[in-house]
Amino acid sequence: MSAPLAPVVPETIRWERSVEVLWRRTATGVVVLPHDSSTASTLEGLHSALWLALVRAMTVDTLVDHLTDHLDDDPAARRRVVGDAIRALVASGAVRESLNP
């Protein structure tokens, strides 16, 4: 039996910061505290850059363009890595699908 596949991040969805998240920049990244959590998370590297890029809602492709300094040269790998980072931030409650199409 094979393991279930991770959900795909559709190309047309725009992503944004969850408005209920408290956050602060630190010397090494960003600390986020989602509204429904009692645990703060420290975002570093790509995750921190992704959070900071989401000043406005963006698609995965737009985020890939903004985050080139943190990504590999392979276009497929770039999309996969950004998709994985979005899924992690969605799971933590820090990022959500944009309510404004």
PDB file of N, CA and C in Angstrom:
ATOM      1  N   MET A   1       0.843  -1.170   0.000  1.00  0.00           N
ATOM      2  CA  MET A   1       0.000   0.000   0.000  1.00  0.00           C
ATOM      3  C   MET A   1       0.893   1.238   0.000  1.00  0.00           C
ATOM      4  N   SER A   2       0.608   2.190  -0.868  1.00  0.00           N
ATOM      5  CA  SER A   2       1.437   3.388  -0.956  1.00  0.00           C
ATOM      6  C   SER A   2       0.927   4.468  -0.008  1.00  0.00           C
ATOM      7  N   ALA A   3       1.834   5.359   0.344  1.00  0.00           N
ATOM      8  CA  ALA A   3       1.479   6.457   1.238  1.00  0.00           C
ATOM      9  C   ALA A   3       0.594   7.455   0.498  1.00  0.00           C
ATOM     10  N   PRO A   4      -0.318   8.136   1.195  1.00  0.00           N
ATOM     11  CA  PRO A   4      -1.165   9.126   0.538  1.00  0.00           C
ATOM     12  C   PRO A   4      -0.319  10.289   0.036  1.00  0.00           C
ATOM     13  N   LEU A   5      -0.711  10.833  -1.088  1.00  0.00           N
ATOM     14  CA  LEU A   5       0.000  11.965  -1.666  1.00  0.00           C
ATOM     15  C   LEU A   5      -0.353  13.240  -0.917  1.00  0.00           C
ATOM     16  N   ALA A   6       0.625  14.149  -0.814  1.00  0.00           N
ATOM     17  CA  ALA A   6       0.370  15.442  -0.184  1.00  0.00           C
ATOM     18  C   ALA A   6      -0.557  16.255  -1.078  1.00  0.00           C
ATOM     19  N   PRO A   7      -1.432  17.062  -0.490  1.00  0.00           N
ATOM     20  CA  PRO A   7      -2.320  17.866  -1.309  1.00  0.00           C
ATOM     21  C   PRO A   7      -1.531  18.799  -2.218  1.00  0.00           C
ATOM     22  N   VAL A   8      -2.051  19.002  -3.388  1.00  0.00           N
ATOM     23  CA  VAL A   8      -1.402  19.877  -4.370  1.00  0.00           C
ATOM     24  C   VAL A   8      -1.831  21.312  -4.095  1.00  0.00           C
ATOM     25  N   VAL A   9      -0.932  22.253  -4.312  1.00  0.00           N
ATOM     26  CA  VAL A   9      -1.258  23.668  -4.184  1.00  0.00           C
ATOM     27  C   VAL A   9      -1.613  24.167  -5.586  1.00  0.00           C
ATOM     28  N   PRO A  10      -2.911  24.380  -5.882  1.00  0.00           N
ATOM     29  CA  PRO A  10      -3.323  24.797  -7.221  1.00  0.00           C
ATOM     30  C   PRO A  10      -2.684  26.110  -7.650  1.00  0.00           C
ATOM     31  N   GLU A  11      -2.407  26.201  -8.945  1.00  0.00           N
ATOM     32  CA  GLU A  11      -1.713  27.373  -9.497  1.00  0.00           C
ATOM     33  C   GLU A  11      -2.532  28.647  -9.405  1.00  0.00           C
ATOM     34  N   THR A  12      -3.856  28.537  -9.438  1.00  0.00           N
ATOM     35  CA  THR A  12      -4.700  29.730  -9.492  1.00  0.00           C
ATOM     36  C   THR A  12      -5.016  30.316  -8.126  1.00  0.00           C
ATOM     37  N   ILE A  13      -4.743  29.570  -7.074  1.00  0.00           N
ATOM     38  CA  ILE A  13      -5.039  30.077  -5.732  1.00  0.00           C
ATOM     39  C   ILE A  13      -4.014  31.133  -5.352  1.00  0.00           C
ATOM     40  N   ARG A  14      -4.515  32.206  -4.772  1.00  0.00           N
ATOM     41  CA  ARG A  14      -3.631  33.227  -4.216  1.00  0.00           C
ATOM     42  C   ARG A  14      -3.576  33.008  -2.714  1.00  0.00           C
ATOM     43  N   TRP A  15      -2.408  33.193  -2.148  1.00  0.00           N
ATOM     44  CA  TRP A  15      -2.171  32.953  -0.728  1.00  0.00           C
ATOM     45  C   TRP A  15      -1.903  34.263  -0.028  1.00  0.00           C
ATOM     46  N   GLU A  16      -2.305  34.348   1.232  1.00  0.00           N
ATOM     47  CA  GLU A  16      -2.093  35.566   2.020  1.00  0.00           C
ATOM     48  C   GLU A  16      -1.822  35.198   3.468  1.00  0.00           C
ATOM     49  N   ARG A  17      -1.302  36.151   4.202  1.00  0.00           N
ATOM     50  CA  ARG A  17      -1.106  35.956   5.634  1.00  0.00           C
ATOM     51  C   ARG A  17      -2.482  35.854   6.286  1.00  0.00           C
ATOM     52  N   SER A  18      -2.615  34.994   7.256  1.00  0.00           N
ATOM     53  CA  SER A  18      -3.848  34.954   8.042  1.00  0.00           C
ATOM     54  C   SER A  18      -3.891  36.235   8.867  1.00  0.00           C
ATOM     55  N   VAL A  19      -4.999  36.942   8.799  1.00  0.00           N
ATOM     56  CA  VAL A  19      -5.073  38.256   9.452  1.00  0.00           C
ATOM     57  C   VAL A  19      -5.036  38.165  10.977  1.00  0.00           C
ATOM     58  N   GLU A  20      -5.367  37.010  11.519  1.00  0.00           N
ATOM     59  CA  GLU A  20      -5.407  36.848  12.967  1.00  0.00           C
ATOM     60  C   GLU A  20      -4.036  36.561  13.585  1.00  0.00           C
ATOM     61  N   VAL A  21      -3.008  36.454  12.769  1.00  0.00           N
ATOM     62  CA  VAL A  21      -1.679  36.081  13.255  1.00  0.00           C
ATOM     63  C   VAL A  21      -0.939  37.297  13.791  1.00  0.00           C
ATOM     64  N   LEU A  22      -0.425  37.147  14.994  1.00  0.00           N
ATOM     65  CA  LEU A  22       0.492  38.149  15.542  1.00  0.00           C
ATOM     66  C   LEU A  22       1.884  37.763  15.071  1.00  0.00           C
ATOM     67  N   TRP A  23       2.700  38.740  14.698  1.00  0.00           N
ATOM     68  CA  TRP A  23       4.037  38.404  14.228  1.00  0.00           C
ATOM     69  C   TRP A  23       5.016  39.536  14.510  1.00  0.00           C
ATOM     70  N   ARG A  24       6.273  39.153  14.569  1.00  0.00           N
ATOM     71  CA  ARG A  24       7.366  40.115  14.773  1.00  0.00           C
ATOM     72  C   ARG A  24       8.587  39.619  14.016  1.00  0.00           C
ATOM     73  N   ARG A  25       9.299  40.560  13.468  1.00  0.00           N
ATOM     74  CA  ARG A  25      10.582  40.251  12.842  1.00  0.00           C
ATOM     75  C   ARG A  25      11.622  40.088  13.932  1.00  0.00           C
ATOM     76  N   THR A  26      12.539  39.153  13.726  1.00  0.00           N
ATOM     77  CA  THR A  26      13.636  38.957  14.670  1.00  0.00           C
ATOM     78  C   THR A  26      14.952  39.094  13.906  1.00  0.00           C
ATOM     79  N   ALA A  27      16.053  38.944  14.611  1.00  0.00           N
ATOM     80  CA  ALA A  27      17.361  39.029  13.964  1.00  0.00           C
ATOM     81  C   ALA A  27      17.580  37.891  12.973  1.00  0.00           C
ATOM     82  N   THR A  28      16.894  36.759  13.177  1.00  0.00           N
ATOM     83  CA  THR A  28      17.124  35.599  12.311  1.00  0.00           C
ATOM     84  C   THR A  28      15.923  35.216  11.455  1.00  0.00           C
ATOM     85  N   GLY A  29      14.801  35.894  11.590  1.00  0.00           N
ATOM     86  CA  GLY A  29      13.624  35.530  10.803  1.00  0.00           C
ATOM     87  C   GLY A  29      12.383  36.232  11.287  1.00  0.00           C
ATOM     88  N   VAL A  30      11.311  35.459  11.441  1.00  0.00           N
ATOM     89  CA  VAL A  30      10.016  35.990  11.850  1.00  0.00           C
ATOM     90  C   VAL A  30       9.413  35.025  12.869  1.00  0.00           C
ATOM     91  N   VAL A  31       8.800  35.569  13.912  1.00  0.00           N
ATOM     92  CA  VAL A  31       8.052  34.759  14.866  1.00  0.00           C
ATOM     93  C   VAL A  31       6.576  35.020  14.614  1.00  0.00           C
ATOM     94  N   VAL A  32       5.791  33.942  14.455  1.00  0.00           N
ATOM     95  CA  VAL A  32       4.355  34.069  14.227  1.00  0.00           C
ATOM     96  C   VAL A  32       3.601  33.350  15.345  1.00  0.00           C
ATOM     97  N   LEU A  33       2.473  33.933  15.730  1.00  0.00           N
ATOM     98  CA  LEU A  33       1.595  33.333  16.722  1.00  0.00           C
ATOM     99  C   LEU A  33       0.178  33.345  16.155  1.00  0.00           C
ATOM    100  N   PRO A  34      -0.235  32.225  15.556  1.00  0.00           N
ATOM    101  CA  PRO A  34      -1.607  32.151  15.041  1.00  0.00           C
ATOM    102  C   PRO A  34      -2.626  32.312  16.163  1.00  0.00           C
ATOM    103  N   HIS A  35      -3.752  32.912  15.832  1.00  0.00           N
ATOM    104  CA  HIS A  35      -4.814  33.226  16.791  1.00  0.00           C
ATOM    105  C   HIS A  35      -5.295  31.999  17.558  1.00  0.00           C
ATOM    106  N   ASP A  36      -5.428  30.864  16.887  1.00  0.00           N
ATOM    107  CA  ASP A  36      -5.977  29.668  17.530  1.00  0.00           C
ATOM    108  C   ASP A  36      -4.897  28.754  18.113  1.00  0.00           C
ATOM    109  N   SER A  37      -3.717  29.313  18.377  1.00  0.00           N
ATOM    110  CA  SER A  37      -2.623  28.504  18.900  1.00  0.00           C
ATOM    111  C   SER A  37      -2.011  29.190  20.113  1.00  0.00           C
ATOM    112  N   SER A  38      -1.500  28.401  21.011  1.00  0.00           N
ATOM    113  CA  SER A  38      -0.798  28.963  22.164  1.00  0.00           C
ATOM    114  C   SER A  38       0.709  28.868  21.982  1.00  0.00           C
ATOM    115  N   THR A  39       1.123  28.404  20.797  1.00  0.00           N
ATOM    116  CA  THR A  39       2.537  28.204  20.529  1.00  0.00           C
ATOM    117  C   THR A  39       3.001  29.083  19.377  1.00  0.00           C
ATOM    118  N   ALA A  40       4.026  29.868  19.628  1.00  0.00           N
ATOM    119  CA  ALA A  40       4.621  30.684  18.580  1.00  0.00           C
ATOM    120  C   ALA A  40       5.578  29.825  17.769  1.00  0.00           C
ATOM    121  N   SER A  41       5.717  30.153  16.497  1.00  0.00           N
ATOM    122  CA  SER A  41       6.656  29.451  15.619  1.00  0.00           C
ATOM    123  C   SER A  41       7.667  30.445  15.095  1.00  0.00           C
ATOM    124  N   THR A  42       8.916  30.029  15.032  1.00  0.00           N
ATOM    125  CA  THR A  42       9.962  30.858  14.444  1.00  0.00           C
ATOM    126  C   THR A  42      10.163  30.413  13.007  1.00  0.00           C
ATOM    127  N   LEU A  43      10.015  31.341  12.078  1.00  0.00           N
ATOM    128  CA  LEU A  43      10.216  31.075  10.659  1.00  0.00           C
ATOM    129  C   LEU A  43      11.576  31.607  10.266  1.00  0.00           C
ATOM    130  N   GLU A  44      12.345  30.774   9.598  1.00  0.00           N
ATOM    131  CA  GLU A  44      13.673  31.181   9.132  1.00  0.00           C
ATOM    132  C   GLU A  44      13.823  30.808   7.680  1.00  0.00           C
ATOM    133  N   GLY A  45      14.827  31.343   7.033  1.00  0.00           N
ATOM    134  CA  GLY A  45      15.134  30.994   5.649  1.00  0.00           C
ATOM    135  C   GLY A  45      13.962  31.229   4.718  1.00  0.00           C
ATOM    136  N   LEU A  46      13.639  30.211   3.910  1.00  0.00           N
ATOM    137  CA  LEU A  46      12.568  30.322   2.924  1.00  0.00           C
ATOM    138  C   LEU A  46      11.228  30.651   3.571  1.00  0.00           C
ATOM    139  N   HIS A  47      10.911  30.013   4.690  1.00  0.00           N
ATOM    140  CA  HIS A  47       9.616  30.260   5.337  1.00  0.00           C
ATOM    141  C   HIS A  47       9.487  31.720   5.783  1.00  0.00           C
ATOM    142  N   SER A  48      10.554  32.270   6.321  1.00  0.00           N
ATOM    143  CA  SER A  48      10.554  33.675   6.716  1.00  0.00           C
ATOM    144  C   SER A  48      10.409  34.583   5.495  1.00  0.00           C
ATOM    145  N   ALA A  49      11.162  34.291   4.447  1.00  0.00           N
ATOM    146  CA  ALA A  49      11.083  35.090   3.217  1.00  0.00           C
ATOM    147  C   ALA A  49       9.692  35.004   2.598  1.00  0.00           C
ATOM    148  N   LEU A  50       9.090  33.827   2.649  1.00  0.00           N
ATOM    149  CA  LEU A  50       7.734  33.644   2.128  1.00  0.00           C
ATOM    150  C   LEU A  50       6.743  34.501   2.915  1.00  0.00           C
ATOM    151  N   TRP A  51       6.836  34.450   4.229  1.00  0.00           N
ATOM    152  CA  TRP A  51       5.949  35.267   5.070  1.00  0.00           C
ATOM    153  C   TRP A  51       6.109  36.745   4.728  1.00  0.00           C
ATOM    154  N   LEU A  52       7.331  37.212   4.627  1.00  0.00           N
ATOM    155  CA  LEU A  52       7.572  38.628   4.336  1.00  0.00           C
ATOM    156  C   LEU A  52       7.107  39.009   2.939  1.00  0.00           C
ATOM    157  N   ALA A  53       7.193  38.085   1.978  1.00  0.00           N
ATOM    158  CA  ALA A  53       6.724  38.361   0.615  1.00  0.00           C
ATOM    159  C   ALA A  53       5.212  38.498   0.554  1.00  0.00           C
ATOM    160  N   LEU A  54       4.515  37.865   1.482  1.00  0.00           N
ATOM    161  CA  LEU A  54       3.053  37.882   1.444  1.00  0.00           C
ATOM    162  C   LEU A  54       2.455  39.158   2.045  1.00  0.00           C
ATOM    163  N   VAL A  55       3.066  40.279   1.714  1.00  0.00           N
ATOM    164  CA  VAL A  55       2.510  41.577   2.078  1.00  0.00           C
ATOM    165  C   VAL A  55       1.173  41.743   1.369  1.00  0.00           C
ATOM    166  N   ARG A  56       1.070  41.143   0.206  1.00  0.00           N
ATOM    167  CA  ARG A  56      -0.193  41.092  -0.544  1.00  0.00           C
ATOM    168  C   ARG A  56      -0.383  39.655  -1.011  1.00  0.00           C
ATOM    169  N   ALA A  57      -1.602  39.300  -1.353  1.00  0.00           N
ATOM    170  CA  ALA A  57      -1.893  37.936  -1.788  1.00  0.00           C
ATOM    171  C   ALA A  57      -1.176  37.638  -3.104  1.00  0.00           C
ATOM    172  N   MET A  58      -0.623  36.422  -3.215  1.00  0.00           N
ATOM    173  CA  MET A  58       0.123  36.019  -4.409  1.00  0.00           C
ATOM    174  C   MET A  58      -0.111  34.559  -4.733  1.00  0.00           C
ATOM    175  N   THR A  59       0.056  34.230  -6.013  1.00  0.00           N
ATOM    176  CA  THR A  59       0.021  32.838  -6.454  1.00  0.00           C
ATOM    177  C   THR A  59       1.399  32.215  -6.215  1.00  0.00           C
ATOM    178  N   VAL A  60       1.458  30.902  -6.352  1.00  0.00           N
ATOM    179  CA  VAL A  60       2.734  30.203  -6.198  1.00  0.00           C
ATOM    180  C   VAL A  60       3.749  30.723  -7.208  1.00  0.00           C
ATOM    181  N   ASP A  61       3.335  30.889  -8.473  1.00  0.00           N
ATOM    182  CA  ASP A  61       4.274  31.357  -9.498  1.00  0.00           C
ATOM    183  C   ASP A  61       4.840  32.736  -9.164  1.00  0.00           C
ATOM    184  N   THR A  62       4.002  33.630  -8.662  1.00  0.00           N
ATOM    185  CA  THR A  62       4.481  34.961  -8.279  1.00  0.00           C
ATOM    186  C   THR A  62       5.439  34.863  -7.100  1.00  0.00           C
ATOM    187  N   LEU A  63       5.116  33.989  -6.150  1.00  0.00           N
ATOM    188  CA  LEU A  63       6.010  33.796  -5.005  1.00  0.00           C
ATOM    189  C   LEU A  63       7.351  33.224  -5.437  1.00  0.00           C
ATOM    190  N   VAL A  64       7.334  32.284  -6.367  1.00  0.00           N
ATOM    191  CA  VAL A  64       8.587  31.718  -6.886  1.00  0.00           C
ATOM    192  C   VAL A  64       9.454  32.840  -7.447  1.00  0.00           C
ATOM    193  N   ASP A  65       8.848  33.751  -8.199  1.00  0.00           N
ATOM    194  CA  ASP A  65       9.596  34.881  -8.765  1.00  0.00           C
ATOM    195  C   ASP A  65      10.191  35.773  -7.675  1.00  0.00           C
ATOM    196  N   HIS A  66       9.478  35.959  -6.577  1.00  0.00           N
ATOM    197  CA  HIS A  66       9.950  36.803  -5.475  1.00  0.00           C
ATOM    198  C   HIS A  66      11.030  36.139  -4.617  1.00  0.00           C
ATOM    199  N   LEU A  67      11.054  34.816  -4.622  1.00  0.00           N
ATOM    200  CA  LEU A  67      11.921  34.097  -3.687  1.00  0.00           C
ATOM    201  C   LEU A  67      13.115  33.422  -4.355  1.00  0.00           C
ATOM    202  N   THR A  68      13.518  33.886  -5.515  1.00  0.00           N
ATOM    203  CA  THR A  68      14.580  33.215  -6.277  1.00  0.00           C
ATOM    204  C   THR A  68      15.881  33.067  -5.498  1.00  0.00           C
ATOM    205  N   ASP A  69      16.190  33.982  -4.605  1.00  0.00           N
ATOM    206  CA  ASP A  69      17.431  33.886  -3.823  1.00  0.00           C
ATOM    207  C   ASP A  69      17.440  32.675  -2.888  1.00  0.00           C
ATOM    208  N   HIS A  70      16.272  32.155  -2.563  1.00  0.00           N
ATOM    209  CA  HIS A  70      16.160  31.035  -1.627  1.00  0.00           C
ATOM    210  C   HIS A  70      15.897  29.707  -2.321  1.00  0.00           C
ATOM    211  N   LEU A  71      15.889  29.714  -3.662  1.00  0.00           N
ATOM    212  CA  LEU A  71      15.456  28.534  -4.402  1.00  0.00           C
ATOM    213  C   LEU A  71      16.517  28.008  -5.351  1.00  0.00           C
ATOM    214  N   ASP A  72      16.370  26.743  -5.691  1.00  0.00           N
ATOM    215  CA  ASP A  72      17.201  26.047  -6.660  1.00  0.00           C
ATOM    216  C   ASP A  72      16.969  26.614  -8.059  1.00  0.00           C
ATOM    217  N   ASP A  73      17.800  26.237  -9.022  1.00  0.00           N
ATOM    218  CA  ASP A  73      17.629  26.705 -10.396  1.00  0.00           C
ATOM    219  C   ASP A  73      16.569  25.934 -11.175  1.00  0.00           C
ATOM    220  N   ASP A  74      16.215  24.751 -10.729  1.00  0.00           N
ATOM    221  CA  ASP A  74      15.250  23.912 -11.429  1.00  0.00           C
ATOM    222  C   ASP A  74      13.834  24.444 -11.208  1.00  0.00           C
ATOM    223  N   PRO A  75      13.131  24.850 -12.290  1.00  0.00           N
ATOM    224  CA  PRO A  75      11.782  25.421 -12.148  1.00  0.00           C
ATOM    225  C   PRO A  75      10.798  24.485 -11.433  1.00  0.00           C
ATOM    226  N   ALA A  76      10.837  23.195 -11.730  1.00  0.00           N
ATOM    227  CA  ALA A  76       9.918  22.254 -11.083  1.00  0.00           C
ATOM    228  C   ALA A  76      10.228  22.154  -9.586  1.00  0.00           C
ATOM    229  N   ALA A  77      11.496  22.148  -9.254  1.00  0.00           N
ATOM    230  CA  ALA A  77      11.894  22.088  -7.846  1.00  0.00           C
ATOM    231  C   ALA A  77      11.475  23.362  -7.119  1.00  0.00           C
ATOM    232  N   ARG A  78      11.581  24.496  -7.789  1.00  0.00           N
ATOM    233  CA  ARG A  78      11.166  25.766  -7.182  1.00  0.00           C
ATOM    234  C   ARG A  78       9.700  25.727  -6.782  1.00  0.00           C
ATOM    235  N   ARG A  79       8.843  25.314  -7.721  1.00  0.00           N
ATOM    236  CA  ARG A  79       7.397  25.252  -7.452  1.00  0.00           C
ATOM    237  C   ARG A  79       7.109  24.257  -6.324  1.00  0.00           C
ATOM    238  N   ARG A  80       7.792  23.131  -6.334  1.00  0.00           N
ATOM    239  CA  ARG A  80       7.566  22.108  -5.306  1.00  0.00           C
ATOM    240  C   ARG A  80       7.960  22.643  -3.928  1.00  0.00           C
ATOM    241  N   VAL A  81       9.113  23.273  -3.841  1.00  0.00           N
ATOM    242  CA  VAL A  81       9.605  23.783  -2.557  1.00  0.00           C
ATOM    243  C   VAL A  81       8.691  24.891  -2.028  1.00  0.00           C
ATOM    244  N   VAL A  82       8.270  25.794  -2.896  1.00  0.00           N
ATOM    245  CA  VAL A  82       7.362  26.861  -2.456  1.00  0.00           C
ATOM    246  C   VAL A  82       6.008  26.270  -2.068  1.00  0.00           C
ATOM    247  N   GLY A  83       5.516  25.306  -2.833  1.00  0.00           N
ATOM    248  CA  GLY A  83       4.263  24.636  -2.478  1.00  0.00           C
ATOM    249  C   GLY A  83       4.350  23.965  -1.126  1.00  0.00           C
ATOM    250  N   ASP A  84       5.470  23.288  -0.855  1.00  0.00           N
ATOM    251  CA  ASP A  84       5.680  22.644   0.447  1.00  0.00           C
ATOM    252  C   ASP A  84       5.708  23.675   1.573  1.00  0.00           C
ATOM    253  N   ALA A  85       6.370  24.803   1.328  1.00  0.00           N
ATOM    254  CA  ALA A  85       6.446  25.856   2.344  1.00  0.00           C
ATOM    255  C   ALA A  85       5.063  26.441   2.617  1.00  0.00           C
ATOM    256  N   ILE A  86       4.277  26.635   1.572  1.00  0.00           N
ATOM    257  CA  ILE A  86       2.912  27.141   1.761  1.00  0.00           C
ATOM    258  C   ILE A  86       2.095  26.153   2.576  1.00  0.00           C
ATOM    259  N   ARG A  87       2.169  24.872   2.232  1.00  0.00           N
ATOM    260  CA  ARG A  87       1.422  23.857   2.988  1.00  0.00           C
ATOM    261  C   ARG A  87       1.812  23.876   4.467  1.00  0.00           C
ATOM    262  N   ALA A  88       3.094  24.039   4.756  1.00  0.00           N
ATOM    263  CA  ALA A  88       3.546  24.080   6.150  1.00  0.00           C
ATOM    264  C   ALA A  88       2.982  25.301   6.873  1.00  0.00           C
ATOM    265  N   LEU A  89       2.970  26.442   6.205  1.00  0.00           N
ATOM    266  CA  LEU A  89       2.449  27.659   6.836  1.00  0.00           C
ATOM    267  C   LEU A  89       0.929  27.615   6.971  1.00  0.00           C
ATOM    268  N   VAL A  90       0.254  26.984   6.021  1.00  0.00           N
ATOM    269  CA  VAL A  90      -1.200  26.795   6.147  1.00  0.00           C
ATOM    270  C   VAL A  90      -1.491  25.883   7.336  1.00  0.00           C
ATOM    271  N   ALA A  91      -0.743  24.797   7.450  1.00  0.00           N
ATOM    272  CA  ALA A  91      -0.937  23.852   8.556  1.00  0.00           C
ATOM    273  C   ALA A  91      -0.715  24.517   9.916  1.00  0.00           C
ATOM    274  N   SER A  92       0.186  25.482   9.971  1.00  0.00           N
ATOM    275  CA  SER A  92       0.460  26.168  11.237  1.00  0.00           C
ATOM    276  C   SER A  92      -0.563  27.261  11.534  1.00  0.00           C
ATOM    277  N   GLY A  93      -1.386  27.601  10.544  1.00  0.00           N
ATOM    278  CA  GLY A  93      -2.386  28.663  10.727  1.00  0.00           C
ATOM    279  C   GLY A  93      -1.865  30.044  10.371  1.00  0.00           C
ATOM    280  N   ALA A  94      -0.659  30.151   9.861  1.00  0.00           N
ATOM    281  CA  ALA A  94      -0.068  31.453   9.560  1.00  0.00           C
ATOM    282  C   ALA A  94      -0.484  31.993   8.187  1.00  0.00           C
ATOM    283  N   VAL A  95      -0.809  31.107   7.256  1.00  0.00           N
ATOM    284  CA  VAL A  95      -1.159  31.509   5.891  1.00  0.00           C
ATOM    285  C   VAL A  95      -2.468  30.838   5.526  1.00  0.00           C
ATOM    286  N   ARG A  96      -3.237  31.501   4.673  1.00  0.00           N
ATOM    287  CA  ARG A  96      -4.514  30.944   4.214  1.00  0.00           C
ATOM    288  C   ARG A  96      -4.727  31.289   2.749  1.00  0.00           C
ATOM    289  N   GLU A  97      -5.685  30.614   2.165  1.00  0.00           N
ATOM    290  CA  GLU A  97      -6.096  30.952   0.806  1.00  0.00           C
ATOM    291  C   GLU A  97      -6.723  32.345   0.861  1.00  0.00           C
ATOM    292  N   SER A  98      -6.378  33.185  -0.124  1.00  0.00           N
ATOM    293  CA  SER A  98      -6.889  34.553  -0.129  1.00  0.00           C
ATOM    294  C   SER A  98      -8.398  34.549  -0.303  1.00  0.00           C
ATOM    295  N   LEU A  99      -9.057  35.391   0.459  1.00  0.00           N
ATOM    296  CA  LEU A  99     -10.505  35.531   0.361  1.00  0.00           C
ATOM    297  C   LEU A  99     -10.892  36.451  -0.797  1.00  0.00           C
ATOM    298  N   ASN A 100      -9.912  37.177  -1.329  1.00  0.00           N
ATOM    299  CA  ASN A 100     -10.149  38.081  -2.461  1.00  0.00           C
ATOM    300  C   ASN A 100      -9.533  37.483  -3.712  1.00  0.00           C
ATOM    301  N   PRO A 101     -10.357  37.022  -4.657  1.00  0.00           N
ATOM    302  CA  PRO A 101      -9.814  36.375  -5.875  1.00  0.00           C
ATOM    303  C   PRO A 101      -8.970  37.294  -6.726  1.00  0.00           C
TER     304      PRO A 101
END
